[in-house]
Amino acid sequence: MTVSRSTVDGVRVIALRGELDQATHDCVGEALNPPAGDPSPRTVADLSGLTFMDSSGINLLIAAHRAAVEAQGWLRVAGTQPPVLRVMQLVGIDTLIPCRPTVREALED
């Protein structure tokens, strides 16, 4: 698992590459959760390089979404590949967290 961080117009972009499962969820959770004291944290999770995600990944996304909303911010997901998107759709997370085809669209929304 590779986690890359960048900022675009004040929005954190967290790019995930590889497989998100129980073995890799700690480093991803750290990256996705809003930094302490950040007012209105806005984050785009770029999942275009994610090839697999299990329930631990779903739980991380839900926790990061809740943390962002509680801090008056938001979390959006971008570039989800079909196998990962299918998992998200099966559990209904795509109705909770806005999912966009590209990072650009997630930033513009």
Protein backbone atom coordinates (compact mmCIF):
# COMPACT_ATOMS: atom_id res chain seq x y z
CA MET A 1 0.00 0.00 0.00
CA THR A 2 1.26 3.42 -0.96
CA VAL A 3 -0.31 6.58 0.42
CA SER A 4 0.47 9.92 -1.24
CA ARG A 5 -0.61 13.28 0.10
CA SER A 6 -1.01 16.56 -1.74
CA THR A 7 -3.08 19.73 -1.46
CA VAL A 8 -5.05 21.38 -4.26
CA ASP A 9 -6.68 24.75 -3.53
CA GLY A 10 -6.79 23.96 0.20
CA VAL A 11 -8.27 20.49 -0.31
CA ARG A 12 -6.25 17.50 0.88
CA VAL A 13 -5.92 14.81 -1.80
CA ILE A 14 -5.00 11.39 -0.45
CA ALA A 15 -4.05 8.95 -3.22
CA LEU A 16 -4.14 5.26 -2.38
CA ARG A 17 -2.30 2.63 -4.43
CA GLY A 18 -2.46 -1.12 -3.82
CA GLU A 19 -4.74 -3.15 -1.56
CA LEU A 20 -6.63 -1.75 1.41
CA ASP A 21 -7.23 -4.48 3.97
CA GLN A 22 -6.65 -5.24 7.64
CA ALA A 23 -2.88 -5.34 7.13
CA THR A 24 -2.70 -1.84 5.61
CA HIS A 25 -5.58 0.03 7.23
CA ASP A 26 -3.56 1.78 9.96
CA CYS A 27 -1.51 3.98 7.63
CA VAL A 28 -4.57 4.76 5.51
CA GLY A 29 -6.71 5.70 8.50
CA GLU A 30 -4.02 8.09 9.68
CA ALA A 31 -3.95 9.77 6.27
CA LEU A 32 -7.71 10.00 5.74
CA ASN A 33 -8.72 11.38 9.12
CA PRO A 34 -8.75 15.18 9.30
CA PRO A 35 -5.77 16.75 11.06
CA ALA A 36 -6.52 17.85 14.62
CA GLY A 37 -7.64 21.46 14.79
CA ASP A 38 -8.25 21.80 11.07
CA PRO A 39 -11.39 23.90 10.66
CA SER A 40 -13.64 22.65 7.85
CA PRO A 41 -11.34 19.86 6.63
CA ARG A 42 -11.93 18.93 3.02
CA THR A 43 -10.49 15.71 1.65
CA VAL A 44 -10.63 13.84 -1.63
CA ALA A 45 -9.67 10.16 -1.42
CA ASP A 46 -8.23 9.24 -4.81
CA LEU A 47 -8.90 5.52 -5.12
CA SER A 48 -7.88 5.21 -8.77
CA GLY A 49 -4.89 3.07 -7.81
CA LEU A 50 -6.74 0.91 -5.31
CA THR A 51 -7.13 -2.63 -6.59
CA PHE A 52 -8.83 -4.23 -3.59
CA MET A 53 -10.71 -3.11 -0.48
CA ASP A 54 -12.26 -5.20 2.25
CA SER A 55 -14.56 -4.26 5.13
CA SER A 56 -11.73 -2.60 7.05
CA GLY A 57 -11.41 -0.11 4.20
CA ILE A 58 -15.15 0.55 4.24
CA ASN A 59 -14.95 1.20 7.97
CA LEU A 60 -12.05 3.62 7.47
CA LEU A 61 -13.97 5.61 4.86
CA ILE A 62 -17.04 5.82 7.10
CA ALA A 63 -14.94 6.93 10.09
CA ALA A 64 -13.11 9.56 7.99
CA HIS A 65 -16.42 10.82 6.60
CA ARG A 66 -17.92 11.15 10.08
CA ALA A 67 -14.82 12.91 11.41
CA ALA A 68 -14.86 15.38 8.52
CA VAL A 69 -18.57 16.13 8.91
CA GLU A 70 -18.20 16.60 12.68
CA ALA A 71 -15.46 19.16 11.94
CA GLN A 72 -17.76 20.96 9.45
CA GLY A 73 -15.87 19.58 6.44
CA TRP A 74 -16.32 16.80 3.92
CA LEU A 75 -14.82 13.68 2.37
CA ARG A 76 -15.26 12.74 -1.28
CA VAL A 77 -14.08 9.67 -3.15
CA ALA A 78 -12.69 9.82 -6.69
CA GLY A 79 -11.56 7.45 -9.42
CA THR A 80 -12.84 4.26 -7.86
CA GLN A 81 -12.10 1.20 -10.00
CA PRO A 82 -14.99 -1.21 -10.76
CA PRO A 83 -14.06 -3.98 -8.26
CA VAL A 84 -13.70 -1.49 -5.39
CA LEU A 85 -16.76 0.49 -6.46
CA ARG A 86 -18.78 -2.72 -6.45
CA VAL A 87 -17.86 -3.34 -2.80
CA MET A 88 -18.81 0.25 -1.95
CA GLN A 89 -22.14 -0.11 -3.72
CA LEU A 90 -22.92 -3.44 -2.03
CA VAL A 91 -22.72 -1.84 1.40
CA GLY A 92 -24.25 1.47 0.29
CA ILE A 93 -21.30 3.69 1.13
CA ASP A 94 -21.64 5.35 -2.29
CA THR A 95 -24.90 6.91 -1.02
CA LEU A 96 -23.19 8.24 2.13
CA ILE A 97 -19.97 9.59 0.65
CA PRO A 98 -20.03 11.45 -2.68
CA CYS A 99 -18.20 9.42 -5.35
CA ARG A 100 -16.90 11.13 -8.49
CA PRO A 101 -15.20 9.63 -11.56
CA THR A 102 -12.11 11.86 -11.27
CA VAL A 103 -10.22 13.87 -8.69
CA ARG A 104 -10.88 16.98 -10.75
CA GLU A 105 -14.64 16.45 -10.54
CA ALA A 106 -14.41 15.79 -6.81
CA LEU A 107 -12.52 19.04 -6.32
CA GLU A 108 -14.99 21.05 -8.41
CA ASP A 109 -18.14 19.67 -6.81
